[in-house]
Amino acid sequence: MATSQSTTHDYRCPECTGSLQSHHESLECVDCGYTPRHGSD
């Protein structure tokens, strides 16, 4: 029997606990505009 898993994740902003959404291939907070640093930065 196959199981299905959700591939969506609910990421939270560390600055304001708002929701982070994908924007131009990076994450951005929909409330305050916070963008997490990339590992290559």
N, C-alpha and C. Protein backbone atom coordinates (compact mmCIF):
# COMPACT_ATOMS: atom_id res chain seq x y z
N MET A 1 0.84 -1.18 0.00
CA MET A 1 0.00 0.00 0.00
C MET A 1 0.88 1.25 0.00
N ALA A 2 0.63 2.11 -0.91
CA ALA A 2 1.42 3.34 -1.02
C ALA A 2 0.90 4.39 -0.04
N THR A 3 1.83 5.17 0.46
CA THR A 3 1.46 6.28 1.34
C THR A 3 1.82 7.58 0.65
N SER A 4 1.08 8.61 0.94
CA SER A 4 1.40 9.91 0.37
C SER A 4 1.91 10.82 1.47
N GLN A 5 2.90 11.62 1.11
CA GLN A 5 3.47 12.56 2.05
C GLN A 5 3.38 13.95 1.46
N SER A 6 3.11 14.90 2.31
CA SER A 6 3.05 16.28 1.87
C SER A 6 4.47 16.79 1.66
N THR A 7 4.71 17.46 0.54
CA THR A 7 6.04 17.99 0.26
C THR A 7 6.15 19.47 0.63
N THR A 8 5.06 20.05 1.14
CA THR A 8 5.13 21.44 1.55
C THR A 8 5.58 21.54 2.99
N HIS A 9 6.36 22.56 3.28
CA HIS A 9 6.86 22.79 4.63
C HIS A 9 6.38 24.15 5.10
N ASP A 10 6.13 24.26 6.38
CA ASP A 10 5.69 25.53 6.95
C ASP A 10 6.87 26.16 7.66
N TYR A 11 7.62 26.98 6.95
CA TYR A 11 8.79 27.65 7.52
C TYR A 11 8.35 28.93 8.21
N ARG A 12 8.95 29.22 9.35
CA ARG A 12 8.62 30.42 10.13
C ARG A 12 9.81 31.37 10.18
N CYS A 13 9.53 32.64 10.13
CA CYS A 13 10.55 33.68 10.20
C CYS A 13 11.12 33.75 11.61
N PRO A 14 12.46 33.78 11.75
CA PRO A 14 13.05 33.90 13.09
C PRO A 14 12.94 35.30 13.68
N GLU A 15 12.65 36.30 12.84
CA GLU A 15 12.55 37.68 13.30
C GLU A 15 11.17 38.01 13.86
N CYS A 16 10.11 37.57 13.17
CA CYS A 16 8.76 37.95 13.60
C CYS A 16 7.80 36.77 13.67
N THR A 17 8.28 35.56 13.45
CA THR A 17 7.49 34.31 13.43
C THR A 17 6.41 34.32 12.35
N GLY A 18 6.56 35.18 11.34
CA GLY A 18 5.66 35.17 10.20
C GLY A 18 5.99 34.00 9.30
N SER A 19 5.22 33.82 8.26
CA SER A 19 5.40 32.71 7.35
C SER A 19 6.42 33.05 6.26
N LEU A 20 7.34 32.11 5.99
CA LEU A 20 8.31 32.28 4.91
C LEU A 20 7.78 31.60 3.67
N GLN A 21 7.83 32.28 2.55
CA GLN A 21 7.39 31.72 1.28
C GLN A 21 8.49 31.85 0.25
N SER A 22 8.47 30.94 -0.72
CA SER A 22 9.45 30.96 -1.79
C SER A 22 9.18 32.16 -2.70
N HIS A 23 10.25 32.94 -2.96
CA HIS A 23 10.14 34.13 -3.80
C HIS A 23 11.43 34.26 -4.60
N HIS A 24 11.36 34.09 -5.91
CA HIS A 24 12.53 34.16 -6.79
C HIS A 24 13.63 33.20 -6.34
N GLU A 25 13.26 31.95 -6.10
CA GLU A 25 14.18 30.87 -5.72
C GLU A 25 14.84 31.05 -4.37
N SER A 26 14.29 31.88 -3.50
CA SER A 26 14.77 32.01 -2.13
C SER A 26 13.56 32.22 -1.23
N LEU A 27 13.78 32.13 0.07
CA LEU A 27 12.69 32.32 1.01
C LEU A 27 12.61 33.77 1.45
N GLU A 28 11.40 34.25 1.67
CA GLU A 28 11.19 35.62 2.13
C GLU A 28 9.97 35.64 3.04
N CYS A 29 10.06 36.38 4.15
CA CYS A 29 8.95 36.50 5.08
C CYS A 29 7.86 37.37 4.47
N VAL A 30 6.62 36.89 4.53
CA VAL A 30 5.51 37.66 3.95
C VAL A 30 5.11 38.83 4.84
N ASP A 31 5.53 38.82 6.12
CA ASP A 31 5.16 39.89 7.04
C ASP A 31 6.19 41.02 7.11
N CYS A 32 7.47 40.65 7.33
CA CYS A 32 8.49 41.70 7.55
C CYS A 32 9.52 41.80 6.43
N GLY A 33 9.50 40.86 5.47
CA GLY A 33 10.44 40.91 4.35
C GLY A 33 11.79 40.29 4.64
N TYR A 34 11.96 39.65 5.81
CA TYR A 34 13.21 39.00 6.16
C TYR A 34 13.56 37.92 5.15
N THR A 35 14.83 37.87 4.74
CA THR A 35 15.32 36.84 3.82
C THR A 35 16.49 36.13 4.48
N PRO A 36 16.37 34.81 4.73
CA PRO A 36 17.48 34.08 5.35
C PRO A 36 18.71 34.09 4.44
N ARG A 37 19.89 34.06 5.05
CA ARG A 37 21.14 34.02 4.29
C ARG A 37 21.29 32.65 3.65
N HIS A 38 21.90 32.61 2.50
CA HIS A 38 22.20 31.36 1.82
C HIS A 38 23.50 30.79 2.36
N GLY A 39 23.68 29.50 2.28
CA GLY A 39 24.90 28.86 2.75
C GLY A 39 26.13 29.31 2.01
N SER A 40 25.96 29.80 0.79
CA SER A 40 27.11 30.22 -0.02
C SER A 40 27.48 31.68 0.21
N ASP A 41 26.72 32.40 1.01
CA ASP A 41 27.01 33.81 1.27
C ASP A 41 28.17 33.97 2.21
